[in-house]
Amino acid sequence: DRELDFYERFAADFPVRVPKLYVSVRD
């Protein structure tokens, strides 16, 4: 959950380059 939360909520504005999120889905 924390990994998906990171990509969904923070990755786009993170101060270092991280892979772009395309799709995340979970129960």
mmCIF file of all heavy atoms, coordinates in Angstrom:
data_MODEL
# 
_entry.id   MODEL 
# 
loop_
_atom_site.group_PDB 
_atom_site.id 
_atom_site.type_symbol 
_atom_site.label_atom_id 
_atom_site.label_alt_id 
_atom_site.label_comp_id 
_atom_site.label_asym_id 
_atom_site.label_entity_id 
_atom_site.label_seq_id 
_atom_site.pdbx_PDB_ins_code 
_atom_site.Cartn_x 
_atom_site.Cartn_y 
_atom_site.Cartn_z 
_atom_site.occupancy 
_atom_site.B_iso_or_equiv 
_atom_site.pdbx_formal_charge 
_atom_site.auth_seq_id 
_atom_site.auth_comp_id 
_atom_site.auth_asym_id 
_atom_site.auth_atom_id 
_atom_site.pdbx_PDB_model_num 
ATOM 1   N N   . ASP A 1 1  ? 0.828  -1.208 0.000   1.00 0.00 ? 1  ASP A N   1 
ATOM 2   C CA  . ASP A 1 1  ? 0.000  0.000  0.000   1.00 0.00 ? 1  ASP A CA  1 
ATOM 3   C C   . ASP A 1 1  ? 0.860  1.256  0.000   1.00 0.00 ? 1  ASP A C   1 
ATOM 4   O O   . ASP A 1 1  ? 0.559  2.222  -0.698  1.00 0.00 ? 1  ASP A O   1 
ATOM 5   C CB  . ASP A 1 1  ? -0.936 0.014  1.217   1.00 0.00 ? 1  ASP A CB  1 
ATOM 6   C CG  . ASP A 1 1  ? -2.130 -0.895 1.029   1.00 0.00 ? 1  ASP A CG  1 
ATOM 7   O OD1 . ASP A 1 1  ? -2.767 -0.826 -0.040  1.00 0.00 ? 1  ASP A OD1 1 
ATOM 8   O OD2 . ASP A 1 1  ? -2.430 -1.672 1.951   1.00 0.00 ? 1  ASP A OD2 1 
ATOM 9   N N   . ARG A 1 2  ? 1.933  1.252  0.785   1.00 0.00 ? 2  ARG A N   1 
ATOM 10  C CA  . ARG A 1 2  ? 2.805  2.438  0.833   1.00 0.00 ? 2  ARG A CA  1 
ATOM 11  C C   . ARG A 1 2  ? 3.468  2.703  -0.517  1.00 0.00 ? 2  ARG A C   1 
ATOM 12  O O   . ARG A 1 2  ? 3.594  3.853  -0.931  1.00 0.00 ? 2  ARG A O   1 
ATOM 13  C CB  . ARG A 1 2  ? 3.856  2.290  1.932   1.00 0.00 ? 2  ARG A CB  1 
ATOM 14  C CG  . ARG A 1 2  ? 3.289  2.499  3.311   1.00 0.00 ? 2  ARG A CG  1 
ATOM 15  C CD  . ARG A 1 2  ? 4.355  2.781  4.354   1.00 0.00 ? 2  ARG A CD  1 
ATOM 16  N NE  . ARG A 1 2  ? 5.483  1.893  4.299   1.00 0.00 ? 2  ARG A NE  1 
ATOM 17  C CZ  . ARG A 1 2  ? 5.598  0.734  4.958   1.00 0.00 ? 2  ARG A CZ  1 
ATOM 18  N NH1 . ARG A 1 2  ? 4.620  0.332  5.743   1.00 0.00 ? 2  ARG A NH1 1 
ATOM 19  N NH2 . ARG A 1 2  ? 6.676  -0.001 4.860   1.00 0.00 ? 2  ARG A NH2 1 
ATOM 20  N N   . GLU A 1 3  ? 3.882  1.643  -1.222  1.00 0.00 ? 3  GLU A N   1 
ATOM 21  C CA  . GLU A 1 3  ? 4.504  1.847  -2.528  1.00 0.00 ? 3  GLU A CA  1 
ATOM 22  C C   . GLU A 1 3  ? 3.491  2.441  -3.512  1.00 0.00 ? 3  GLU A C   1 
ATOM 23  O O   . GLU A 1 3  ? 3.790  3.404  -4.215  1.00 0.00 ? 3  GLU A O   1 
ATOM 24  C CB  . GLU A 1 3  ? 5.067  0.542  -3.089  1.00 0.00 ? 3  GLU A CB  1 
ATOM 25  C CG  . GLU A 1 3  ? 5.738  0.743  -4.437  1.00 0.00 ? 3  GLU A CG  1 
ATOM 26  C CD  . GLU A 1 3  ? 6.389  -0.505 -4.990  1.00 0.00 ? 3  GLU A CD  1 
ATOM 27  O OE1 . GLU A 1 3  ? 6.003  -1.625 -4.607  1.00 0.00 ? 3  GLU A OE1 1 
ATOM 28  O OE2 . GLU A 1 3  ? 7.288  -0.342 -5.840  1.00 0.00 ? 3  GLU A OE2 1 
ATOM 29  N N   . LEU A 1 4  ? 2.293  1.887  -3.553  1.00 0.00 ? 4  LEU A N   1 
ATOM 30  C CA  . LEU A 1 4  ? 1.282  2.436  -4.450  1.00 0.00 ? 4  LEU A CA  1 
ATOM 31  C C   . LEU A 1 4  ? 0.899  3.853  -4.039  1.00 0.00 ? 4  LEU A C   1 
ATOM 32  O O   . LEU A 1 4  ? 0.730  4.720  -4.902  1.00 0.00 ? 4  LEU A O   1 
ATOM 33  C CB  . LEU A 1 4  ? 0.055  1.517  -4.521  1.00 0.00 ? 4  LEU A CB  1 
ATOM 34  C CG  . LEU A 1 4  ? 0.139  0.442  -5.609  1.00 0.00 ? 4  LEU A CG  1 
ATOM 35  C CD1 . LEU A 1 4  ? 1.228  -0.567 -5.371  1.00 0.00 ? 4  LEU A CD1 1 
ATOM 36  C CD2 . LEU A 1 4  ? -1.188 -0.235 -5.799  1.00 0.00 ? 4  LEU A CD2 1 
ATOM 37  N N   . ASP A 1 5  ? 0.774  4.107  -2.728  1.00 0.00 ? 5  ASP A N   1 
ATOM 38  C CA  . ASP A 1 5  ? 0.488  5.469  -2.249  1.00 0.00 ? 5  ASP A CA  1 
ATOM 39  C C   . ASP A 1 5  ? 1.562  6.449  -2.715  1.00 0.00 ? 5  ASP A C   1 
ATOM 40  O O   . ASP A 1 5  ? 1.259  7.562  -3.143  1.00 0.00 ? 5  ASP A O   1 
ATOM 41  C CB  . ASP A 1 5  ? 0.403  5.513  -0.722  1.00 0.00 ? 5  ASP A CB  1 
ATOM 42  C CG  . ASP A 1 5  ? -0.864 4.905  -0.165  1.00 0.00 ? 5  ASP A CG  1 
ATOM 43  O OD1 . ASP A 1 5  ? -1.822 4.677  -0.936  1.00 0.00 ? 5  ASP A OD1 1 
ATOM 44  O OD2 . ASP A 1 5  ? -0.898 4.643  1.058   1.00 0.00 ? 5  ASP A OD2 1 
ATOM 45  N N   . PHE A 1 6  ? 2.828  6.040  -2.619  1.00 0.00 ? 6  PHE A N   1 
ATOM 46  C CA  . PHE A 1 6  ? 3.919  6.917  -3.043  1.00 0.00 ? 6  PHE A CA  1 
ATOM 47  C C   . PHE A 1 6  ? 3.758  7.300  -4.511  1.00 0.00 ? 6  PHE A C   1 
ATOM 48  O O   . PHE A 1 6  ? 3.798  8.473  -4.868  1.00 0.00 ? 6  PHE A O   1 
ATOM 49  C CB  . PHE A 1 6  ? 5.287  6.250  -2.822  1.00 0.00 ? 6  PHE A CB  1 
ATOM 50  C CG  . PHE A 1 6  ? 6.406  7.006  -3.464  1.00 0.00 ? 6  PHE A CG  1 
ATOM 51  C CD1 . PHE A 1 6  ? 6.918  8.147  -2.873  1.00 0.00 ? 6  PHE A CD1 1 
ATOM 52  C CD2 . PHE A 1 6  ? 6.922  6.619  -4.695  1.00 0.00 ? 6  PHE A CD2 1 
ATOM 53  C CE1 . PHE A 1 6  ? 7.929  8.878  -3.477  1.00 0.00 ? 6  PHE A CE1 1 
ATOM 54  C CE2 . PHE A 1 6  ? 7.931  7.333  -5.311  1.00 0.00 ? 6  PHE A CE2 1 
ATOM 55  C CZ  . PHE A 1 6  ? 8.438  8.467  -4.701  1.00 0.00 ? 6  PHE A CZ  1 
ATOM 56  N N   . TYR A 1 7  ? 3.574  6.283  -5.362  1.00 0.00 ? 7  TYR A N   1 
ATOM 57  C CA  . TYR A 1 7  ? 3.445  6.578  -6.793  1.00 0.00 ? 7  TYR A CA  1 
ATOM 58  C C   . TYR A 1 7  ? 2.198  7.402  -7.081  1.00 0.00 ? 7  TYR A C   1 
ATOM 59  O O   . TYR A 1 7  ? 2.229  8.320  -7.909  1.00 0.00 ? 7  TYR A O   1 
ATOM 60  C CB  . TYR A 1 7  ? 3.429  5.287  -7.618  1.00 0.00 ? 7  TYR A CB  1 
ATOM 61  C CG  . TYR A 1 7  ? 4.817  4.764  -7.884  1.00 0.00 ? 7  TYR A CG  1 
ATOM 62  C CD1 . TYR A 1 7  ? 5.325  3.701  -7.160  1.00 0.00 ? 7  TYR A CD1 1 
ATOM 63  C CD2 . TYR A 1 7  ? 5.623  5.348  -8.856  1.00 0.00 ? 7  TYR A CD2 1 
ATOM 64  C CE1 . TYR A 1 7  ? 6.607  3.230  -7.404  1.00 0.00 ? 7  TYR A CE1 1 
ATOM 65  C CE2 . TYR A 1 7  ? 6.898  4.887  -9.106  1.00 0.00 ? 7  TYR A CE2 1 
ATOM 66  C CZ  . TYR A 1 7  ? 7.385  3.834  -8.374  1.00 0.00 ? 7  TYR A CZ  1 
ATOM 67  O OH  . TYR A 1 7  ? 8.657  3.373  -8.612  1.00 0.00 ? 7  TYR A OH  1 
ATOM 68  N N   . GLU A 1 8  ? 1.089  7.103  -6.425  1.00 0.00 ? 8  GLU A N   1 
ATOM 69  C CA  . GLU A 1 8  ? -0.169 7.815  -6.689  1.00 0.00 ? 8  GLU A CA  1 
ATOM 70  C C   . GLU A 1 8  ? -0.154 9.245  -6.162  1.00 0.00 ? 8  GLU A C   1 
ATOM 71  O O   . GLU A 1 8  ? -0.742 10.132 -6.784  1.00 0.00 ? 8  GLU A O   1 
ATOM 72  C CB  . GLU A 1 8  ? -1.330 7.068  -6.041  1.00 0.00 ? 8  GLU A CB  1 
ATOM 73  C CG  . GLU A 1 8  ? -1.620 5.731  -6.670  1.00 0.00 ? 8  GLU A CG  1 
ATOM 74  C CD  . GLU A 1 8  ? -2.539 4.843  -5.836  1.00 0.00 ? 8  GLU A CD  1 
ATOM 75  O OE1 . GLU A 1 8  ? -2.904 5.223  -4.699  1.00 0.00 ? 8  GLU A OE1 1 
ATOM 76  O OE2 . GLU A 1 8  ? -2.884 3.760  -6.319  1.00 0.00 ? 8  GLU A OE2 1 
ATOM 77  N N   . ARG A 1 9  ? 0.503  9.478  -5.041  1.00 0.00 ? 9  ARG A N   1 
ATOM 78  C CA  . ARG A 1 9  ? 0.381  10.777 -4.373  1.00 0.00 ? 9  ARG A CA  1 
ATOM 79  C C   . ARG A 1 9  ? 1.611  11.671 -4.460  1.00 0.00 ? 9  ARG A C   1 
ATOM 80  O O   . ARG A 1 9  ? 1.483  12.891 -4.436  1.00 0.00 ? 9  ARG A O   1 
ATOM 81  C CB  . ARG A 1 9  ? 0.037  10.553 -2.907  1.00 0.00 ? 9  ARG A CB  1 
ATOM 82  C CG  . ARG A 1 9  ? -1.295 9.846  -2.730  1.00 0.00 ? 9  ARG A CG  1 
ATOM 83  C CD  . ARG A 1 9  ? -1.545 9.391  -1.323  1.00 0.00 ? 9  ARG A CD  1 
ATOM 84  N NE  . ARG A 1 9  ? -1.527 10.500 -0.405  1.00 0.00 ? 9  ARG A NE  1 
ATOM 85  C CZ  . ARG A 1 9  ? -1.354 10.361 0.907   1.00 0.00 ? 9  ARG A CZ  1 
ATOM 86  N NH1 . ARG A 1 9  ? -1.179 9.181  1.442   1.00 0.00 ? 9  ARG A NH1 1 
ATOM 87  N NH2 . ARG A 1 9  ? -1.360 11.419 1.684   1.00 0.00 ? 9  ARG A NH2 1 
ATOM 88  N N   . PHE A 1 10 ? 2.818  11.089 -4.525  1.00 0.00 ? 10 PHE A N   1 
ATOM 89  C CA  . PHE A 1 10 ? 4.021  11.907 -4.371  1.00 0.00 ? 10 PHE A CA  1 
ATOM 90  C C   . PHE A 1 10 ? 5.012  11.854 -5.523  1.00 0.00 ? 10 PHE A C   1 
ATOM 91  O O   . PHE A 1 10 ? 5.802  12.768 -5.704  1.00 0.00 ? 10 PHE A O   1 
ATOM 92  C CB  . PHE A 1 10 ? 4.772  11.507 -3.089  1.00 0.00 ? 10 PHE A CB  1 
ATOM 93  C CG  . PHE A 1 10 ? 3.935  11.587 -1.856  1.00 0.00 ? 10 PHE A CG  1 
ATOM 94  C CD1 . PHE A 1 10 ? 3.616  10.436 -1.150  1.00 0.00 ? 10 PHE A CD1 1 
ATOM 95  C CD2 . PHE A 1 10 ? 3.436  12.794 -1.397  1.00 0.00 ? 10 PHE A CD2 1 
ATOM 96  C CE1 . PHE A 1 10 ? 2.831  10.492 -0.015  1.00 0.00 ? 10 PHE A CE1 1 
ATOM 97  C CE2 . PHE A 1 10 ? 2.652  12.858 -0.272  1.00 0.00 ? 10 PHE A CE2 1 
ATOM 98  C CZ  . PHE A 1 10 ? 2.346  11.709 0.429   1.00 0.00 ? 10 PHE A CZ  1 
ATOM 99  N N   . ALA A 1 11 ? 5.047  10.777 -6.284  1.00 0.00 ? 11 ALA A N   1 
ATOM 100 C CA  . ALA A 1 11 ? 6.112  10.571 -7.260  1.00 0.00 ? 11 ALA A CA  1 
ATOM 101 C C   . ALA A 1 11 ? 6.231  11.703 -8.268  1.00 0.00 ? 11 ALA A C   1 
ATOM 102 O O   . ALA A 1 11 ? 7.341  12.103 -8.624  1.00 0.00 ? 11 ALA A O   1 
ATOM 103 C CB  . ALA A 1 11 ? 5.919  9.240  -7.988  1.00 0.00 ? 11 ALA A CB  1 
ATOM 104 N N   . ALA A 1 12 ? 5.118  12.219 -8.741  1.00 0.00 ? 12 ALA A N   1 
ATOM 105 C CA  . ALA A 1 12 ? 5.153  13.276 -9.765  1.00 0.00 ? 12 ALA A CA  1 
ATOM 106 C C   . ALA A 1 12 ? 5.865  14.531 -9.271  1.00 0.00 ? 12 ALA A C   1 
ATOM 107 O O   . ALA A 1 12 ? 6.474  15.256 -10.064 1.00 0.00 ? 12 ALA A O   1 
ATOM 108 C CB  . ALA A 1 12 ? 3.743  13.612 -10.221 1.00 0.00 ? 12 ALA A CB  1 
ATOM 109 N N   . ASP A 1 13 ? 5.814  14.810 -7.962  1.00 0.00 ? 13 ASP A N   1 
ATOM 110 C CA  . ASP A 1 13 ? 6.427  16.017 -7.403  1.00 0.00 ? 13 ASP A CA  1 
ATOM 111 C C   . ASP A 1 13 ? 7.680  15.719 -6.586  1.00 0.00 ? 13 ASP A C   1 
ATOM 112 O O   . ASP A 1 13 ? 8.194  16.598 -5.905  1.00 0.00 ? 13 ASP A O   1 
ATOM 113 C CB  . ASP A 1 13 ? 5.411  16.741 -6.514  1.00 0.00 ? 13 ASP A CB  1 
ATOM 114 C CG  . ASP A 1 13 ? 4.191  17.182 -7.301  1.00 0.00 ? 13 ASP A CG  1 
ATOM 115 O OD1 . ASP A 1 13 ? 4.349  17.649 -8.443  1.00 0.00 ? 13 ASP A OD1 1 
ATOM 116 O OD2 . ASP A 1 13 ? 3.072  17.038 -6.778  1.00 0.00 ? 13 ASP A OD2 1 
ATOM 117 N N   . PHE A 1 14 ? 8.162  14.497 -6.632  1.00 0.00 ? 14 PHE A N   1 
ATOM 118 C CA  . PHE A 1 14 ? 9.326  14.122 -5.827  1.00 0.00 ? 14 PHE A CA  1 
ATOM 119 C C   . PHE A 1 14 ? 10.558 14.852 -6.343  1.00 0.00 ? 14 PHE A C   1 
ATOM 120 O O   . PHE A 1 14 ? 10.716 15.038 -7.556  1.00 0.00 ? 14 PHE A O   1 
ATOM 121 C CB  . PHE A 1 14 ? 9.511  12.595 -5.890  1.00 0.00 ? 14 PHE A CB  1 
ATOM 122 C CG  . PHE A 1 14 ? 10.175 12.026 -4.689  1.00 0.00 ? 14 PHE A CG  1 
ATOM 123 C CD1 . PHE A 1 14 ? 9.569  12.091 -3.440  1.00 0.00 ? 14 PHE A CD1 1 
ATOM 124 C CD2 . PHE A 1 14 ? 11.415 11.428 -4.786  1.00 0.00 ? 14 PHE A CD2 1 
ATOM 125 C CE1 . PHE A 1 14 ? 10.178 11.565 -2.329  1.00 0.00 ? 14 PHE A CE1 1 
ATOM 126 C CE2 . PHE A 1 14 ? 12.031 10.894 -3.673  1.00 0.00 ? 14 PHE A CE2 1 
ATOM 127 C CZ  . PHE A 1 14 ? 11.417 10.961 -2.432  1.00 0.00 ? 14 PHE A CZ  1 
ATOM 128 N N   . PRO A 1 15 ? 11.468 15.282 -5.444  1.00 0.00 ? 15 PRO A N   1 
ATOM 129 C CA  . PRO A 1 15 ? 12.606 16.104 -5.879  1.00 0.00 ? 15 PRO A CA  1 
ATOM 130 C C   . PRO A 1 15 ? 13.687 15.360 -6.664  1.00 0.00 ? 15 PRO A C   1 
ATOM 131 O O   . PRO A 1 15 ? 14.585 15.986 -7.201  1.00 0.00 ? 15 PRO A O   1 
ATOM 132 C CB  . PRO A 1 15 ? 13.169 16.650 -4.570  1.00 0.00 ? 15 PRO A CB  1 
ATOM 133 C CG  . PRO A 1 15 ? 12.698 15.727 -3.511  1.00 0.00 ? 15 PRO A CG  1 
ATOM 134 C CD  . PRO A 1 15 ? 11.395 15.161 -3.994  1.00 0.00 ? 15 PRO A CD  1 
ATOM 135 N N   . VAL A 1 16 ? 13.627 14.039 -6.731  1.00 0.00 ? 16 VAL A N   1 
ATOM 136 C CA  . VAL A 1 16 ? 14.554 13.278 -7.573  1.00 0.00 ? 16 VAL A CA  1 
ATOM 137 C C   . VAL A 1 16 ? 13.734 12.491 -8.597  1.00 0.00 ? 16 VAL A C   1 
ATOM 138 O O   . VAL A 1 16 ? 12.548 12.232 -8.386  1.00 0.00 ? 16 VAL A O   1 
ATOM 139 C CB  . VAL A 1 16 ? 15.452 12.315 -6.760  1.00 0.00 ? 16 VAL A CB  1 
ATOM 140 C CG1 . VAL A 1 16 ? 16.360 13.091 -5.825  1.00 0.00 ? 16 VAL A CG1 1 
ATOM 141 C CG2 . VAL A 1 16 ? 14.642 11.316 -5.993  1.00 0.00 ? 16 VAL A CG2 1 
ATOM 142 N N   . ARG A 1 17 ? 14.376 12.103 -9.684  1.00 0.00 ? 17 ARG A N   1 
ATOM 143 C CA  . ARG A 1 17 ? 13.656 11.392 -10.742 1.00 0.00 ? 17 ARG A CA  1 
ATOM 144 C C   . ARG A 1 17 ? 13.249 9.997  -10.269 1.00 0.00 ? 17 ARG A C   1 
ATOM 145 O O   . ARG A 1 17 ? 14.058 9.233  -9.784  1.00 0.00 ? 17 ARG A O   1 
ATOM 146 C CB  . ARG A 1 17 ? 14.545 11.268 -11.971 1.00 0.00 ? 17 ARG A CB  1 
ATOM 147 C CG  . ARG A 1 17 ? 13.808 10.735 -13.183 1.00 0.00 ? 17 ARG A CG  1 
ATOM 148 C CD  . ARG A 1 17 ? 14.735 10.670 -14.382 1.00 0.00 ? 17 ARG A CD  1 
ATOM 149 N NE  . ARG A 1 17 ? 14.182 10.310 -15.643 1.00 0.00 ? 17 ARG A NE  1 
ATOM 150 C CZ  . ARG A 1 17 ? 13.407 9.293  -15.936 1.00 0.00 ? 17 ARG A CZ  1 
ATOM 151 N NH1 . ARG A 1 17 ? 13.009 8.491  -15.006 1.00 0.00 ? 17 ARG A NH1 1 
ATOM 152 N NH2 . ARG A 1 17 ? 12.998 9.057  -17.166 1.00 0.00 ? 17 ARG A NH2 1 
ATOM 153 N N   . VAL A 1 18 ? 11.980 9.694  -10.422 1.00 0.00 ? 18 VAL A N   1 
ATOM 154 C CA  . VAL A 1 18 ? 11.453 8.357  -10.151 1.00 0.00 ? 18 VAL A CA  1 
ATOM 155 C C   . VAL A 1 18 ? 10.656 7.931  -11.388 1.00 0.00 ? 18 VAL A C   1 
ATOM 156 O O   . VAL A 1 18 ? 10.207 8.777  -12.161 1.00 0.00 ? 18 VAL A O   1 
ATOM 157 C CB  . VAL A 1 18 ? 10.557 8.302  -8.888  1.00 0.00 ? 18 VAL A CB  1 
ATOM 158 C CG1 . VAL A 1 18 ? 11.352 8.632  -7.641  1.00 0.00 ? 18 VAL A CG1 1 
ATOM 159 C CG2 . VAL A 1 18 ? 9.369  9.216  -9.003  1.00 0.00 ? 18 VAL A CG2 1 
ATOM 160 N N   . PRO A 1 19 ? 10.485 6.632  -11.574 1.00 0.00 ? 19 PRO A N   1 
ATOM 161 C CA  . PRO A 1 19 ? 9.715  6.191  -12.742 1.00 0.00 ? 19 PRO A CA  1 
ATOM 162 C C   . PRO A 1 19 ? 8.306  6.774  -12.744 1.00 0.00 ? 19 PRO A C   1 
ATOM 163 O O   . PRO A 1 19 ? 7.659  6.890  -11.701 1.00 0.00 ? 19 PRO A O   1 
ATOM 164 C CB  . PRO A 1 19 ? 9.662  4.670  -12.575 1.00 0.00 ? 19 PRO A CB  1 
ATOM 165 C CG  . PRO A 1 19 ? 10.857 4.346  -11.746 1.00 0.00 ? 19 PRO A CG  1 
ATOM 166 C CD  . PRO A 1 19 ? 11.015 5.515  -10.809 1.00 0.00 ? 19 PRO A CD  1 
ATOM 167 N N   . LYS A 1 20 ? 7.863  7.152  -13.922 1.00 0.00 ? 20 LYS A N   1 
ATOM 168 C CA  . LYS A 1 20 ? 6.513  7.694  -14.094 1.00 0.00 ? 20 LYS A CA  1 
ATOM 169 C C   . LYS A 1 20 ? 5.482  6.598  -13.847 1.00 0.00 ? 20 LYS A C   1 
ATOM 170 O O   . LYS A 1 20 ? 5.637  5.475  -14.302 1.00 0.00 ? 20 LYS A O   1 
ATOM 171 C CB  . LYS A 1 20 ? 6.377  8.217  -15.523 1.00 0.00 ? 20 LYS A CB  1 
ATOM 172 C CG  . LYS A 1 20 ? 5.013  8.726  -15.880 1.00 0.00 ? 20 LYS A CG  1 
ATOM 173 C CD  . LYS A 1 20 ? 4.978  9.152  -17.334 1.00 0.00 ? 20 LYS A CD  1 
ATOM 174 C CE  . LYS A 1 20 ? 3.585  9.564  -17.732 1.00 0.00 ? 20 LYS A CE  1 
ATOM 175 N NZ  . LYS A 1 20 ? 3.517  9.969  -19.124 1.00 0.00 ? 20 LYS A NZ  1 
ATOM 176 N N   . LEU A 1 21 ? 4.421  6.923  -13.136 1.00 0.00 ? 21 LEU A N   1 
ATOM 177 C CA  . LEU A 1 21 ? 3.331  5.978  -12.898 1.00 0.00 ? 21 LEU A CA  1 
ATOM 178 C C   . LEU A 1 21 ? 2.397  5.966  -14.099 1.00 0.00 ? 21 LEU A C   1 
ATOM 179 O O   . LEU A 1 21 ? 1.934  7.007  -14.548 1.00 0.00 ? 21 LEU A O   1 
ATOM 180 C CB  . LEU A 1 21 ? 2.544  6.380  -11.648 1.00 0.00 ? 21 LEU A CB  1 
ATOM 181 C CG  . LEU A 1 21 ? 1.262  5.590  -11.380 1.00 0.00 ? 21 LEU A CG  1 
ATOM 182 C CD1 . LEU A 1 21 ? 1.588  4.132  -11.080 1.00 0.00 ? 21 LEU A CD1 1 
ATOM 183 C CD2 . LEU A 1 21 ? 0.483  6.212  -10.229 1.00 0.00 ? 21 LEU A CD2 1 
ATOM 184 N N   . TYR A 1 22 ? 2.107  4.763  -14.597 1.00 0.00 ? 22 TYR A N   1 
ATOM 185 C CA  . TYR A 1 22 ? 1.102  4.604  -15.635 1.00 0.00 ? 22 TYR A CA  1 
ATOM 186 C C   . TYR A 1 22 ? -0.203 4.089  -15.038 1.00 0.00 ? 22 TYR A C   1 
ATOM 187 O O   . TYR A 1 22 ? -1.256 4.656  -15.277 1.00 0.00 ? 22 TYR A O   1 
ATOM 188 C CB  . TYR A 1 22 ? 1.576  3.647  -16.731 1.00 0.00 ? 22 TYR A CB  1 
ATOM 189 C CG  . TYR A 1 22 ? 2.694  4.205  -17.572 1.00 0.00 ? 22 TYR A CG  1 
ATOM 190 C CD1 . TYR A 1 22 ? 3.933  3.592  -17.590 1.00 0.00 ? 22 TYR A CD1 1 
ATOM 191 C CD2 . TYR A 1 22 ? 2.522  5.351  -18.341 1.00 0.00 ? 22 TYR A CD2 1 
ATOM 192 C CE1 . TYR A 1 22 ? 4.969  4.100  -18.370 1.00 0.00 ? 22 TYR A CE1 1 
ATOM 193 C CE2 . TYR A 1 22 ? 3.549  5.867  -19.110 1.00 0.00 ? 22 TYR A CE2 1 
ATOM 194 C CZ  . TYR A 1 22 ? 4.766  5.241  -19.115 1.00 0.00 ? 22 TYR A CZ  1 
ATOM 195 O OH  . TYR A 1 22 ? 5.777  5.748  -19.876 1.00 0.00 ? 22 TYR A OH  1 
ATOM 196 N N   . VAL A 1 23 ? -0.129 3.015  -14.281 1.00 0.00 ? 23 VAL A N   1 
ATOM 197 C CA  . VAL A 1 23 ? -1.331 2.398  -13.722 1.00 0.00 ? 23 VAL A CA  1 
ATOM 198 C C   . VAL A 1 23 ? -0.997 1.790  -12.359 1.00 0.00 ? 23 VAL A C   1 
ATOM 199 O O   . VAL A 1 23 ? 0.033  1.140  -12.207 1.00 0.00 ? 23 VAL A O   1 
ATOM 200 C CB  . VAL A 1 23 ? -1.865 1.271  -14.645 1.00 0.00 ? 23 VAL A CB  1 
ATOM 201 C CG1 . VAL A 1 23 ? -3.050 0.562  -14.016 1.00 0.00 ? 23 VAL A CG1 1 
ATOM 202 C CG2 . VAL A 1 23 ? -2.225 1.810  -16.016 1.00 0.00 ? 23 VAL A CG2 1 
ATOM 203 N N   . SER A 1 24 ? -1.863 2.011  -11.389 1.00 0.00 ? 24 SER A N   1 
ATOM 204 C CA  . SER A 1 24 ? -1.771 1.292  -10.118 1.00 0.00 ? 24 SER A CA  1 
ATOM 205 C C   . SER A 1 24 ? -3.193 0.888  -9.747  1.00 0.00 ? 24 SER A C   1 
ATOM 206 O O   . SER A 1 24 ? -4.122 1.673  -9.905  1.00 0.00 ? 24 SER A O   1 
ATOM 207 C CB  . SER A 1 24 ? -1.153 2.163  -9.022  1.00 0.00 ? 24 SER A CB  1 
ATOM 208 O OG  . SER A 1 24 ? -1.986 3.246  -8.709  1.00 0.00 ? 24 SER A OG  1 
ATOM 209 N N   . VAL A 1 25 ? -3.323 -0.331 -9.293  1.00 0.00 ? 25 VAL A N   1 
ATOM 210 C CA  . VAL A 1 25 ? -4.643 -0.823 -8.915  1.00 0.00 ? 25 VAL A CA  1 
ATOM 211 C C   . VAL A 1 25 ? -4.474 -1.837 -7.787  1.00 0.00 ? 25 VAL A C   1 
ATOM 212 O O   . VAL A 1 25 ? -3.493 -2.578 -7.748  1.00 0.00 ? 25 VAL A O   1 
ATOM 213 C CB  . VAL A 1 25 ? -5.395 -1.409 -10.148 1.00 0.00 ? 25 VAL A CB  1 
ATOM 214 C CG1 . VAL A 1 25 ? -4.688 -2.599 -10.722 1.00 0.00 ? 25 VAL A CG1 1 
ATOM 215 C CG2 . VAL A 1 25 ? -6.828 -1.707 -9.835  1.00 0.00 ? 25 VAL A CG2 1 
ATOM 216 N N   . ARG A 1 26 ? -5.416 -1.799 -6.850  1.00 0.00 ? 26 ARG A N   1 
ATOM 217 C CA  . ARG A 1 26 ? -5.377 -2.711 -5.698  1.00 0.00 ? 26 ARG A CA  1 
ATOM 218 C C   . ARG A 1 26 ? -6.768 -2.916 -5.156  1.00 0.00 ? 26 ARG A C   1 
ATOM 219 O O   . ARG A 1 26 ? -7.651 -2.072 -5.326  1.00 0.00 ? 26 ARG A O   1 
ATOM 220 C CB  . ARG A 1 26 ? -4.469 -2.169 -4.614  1.00 0.00 ? 26 ARG A CB  1 
ATOM 221 C CG  . ARG A 1 26 ? -4.909 -0.790 -4.128  1.00 0.00 ? 26 ARG A CG  1 
ATOM 222 C CD  . ARG A 1 26 ? -3.945 -0.199 -3.150  1.00 0.00 ? 26 ARG A CD  1 
ATOM 223 N NE  . ARG A 1 26 ? -3.882 1.244  -3.335  1.00 0.00 ? 26 ARG A NE  1 
ATOM 224 C CZ  . ARG A 1 26 ? -3.139 2.045  -2.627  1.00 0.00 ? 26 ARG A CZ  1 
ATOM 225 N NH1 . ARG A 1 26 ? -2.392 1.573  -1.673  1.00 0.00 ? 26 ARG A NH1 1 
ATOM 226 N NH2 . ARG A 1 26 ? -3.131 3.323  -2.857  1.00 0.00 ? 26 ARG A NH2 1 
ATOM 227 N N   . ASP A 1 27 ? -6.935 -4.054 -4.506  1.00 0.00 ? 27 ASP A N   1 
ATOM 228 C CA  . ASP A 1 27 ? -8.186 -4.319 -3.813  1.00 0.00 ? 27 ASP A CA  1 
ATOM 229 C C   . ASP A 1 27 ? -8.308 -3.366 -2.634  1.00 0.00 ? 27 ASP A C   1 
ATOM 230 O O   . ASP A 1 27 ? -7.296 -2.968 -2.054  1.00 0.00 ? 27 ASP A O   1 
ATOM 231 C CB  . ASP A 1 27 ? -8.212 -5.742 -3.260  1.00 0.00 ? 27 ASP A CB  1 
ATOM 232 C CG  . ASP A 1 27 ? -8.466 -6.782 -4.333  1.00 0.00 ? 27 ASP A CG  1 
ATOM 233 O OD1 . ASP A 1 27 ? -9.151 -6.469 -5.313  1.00 0.00 ? 27 ASP A OD1 1 
ATOM 234 O OD2 . ASP A 1 27 ? -7.975 -7.909 -4.174  1.00 0.00 ? 27 ASP A OD2 1 
# 
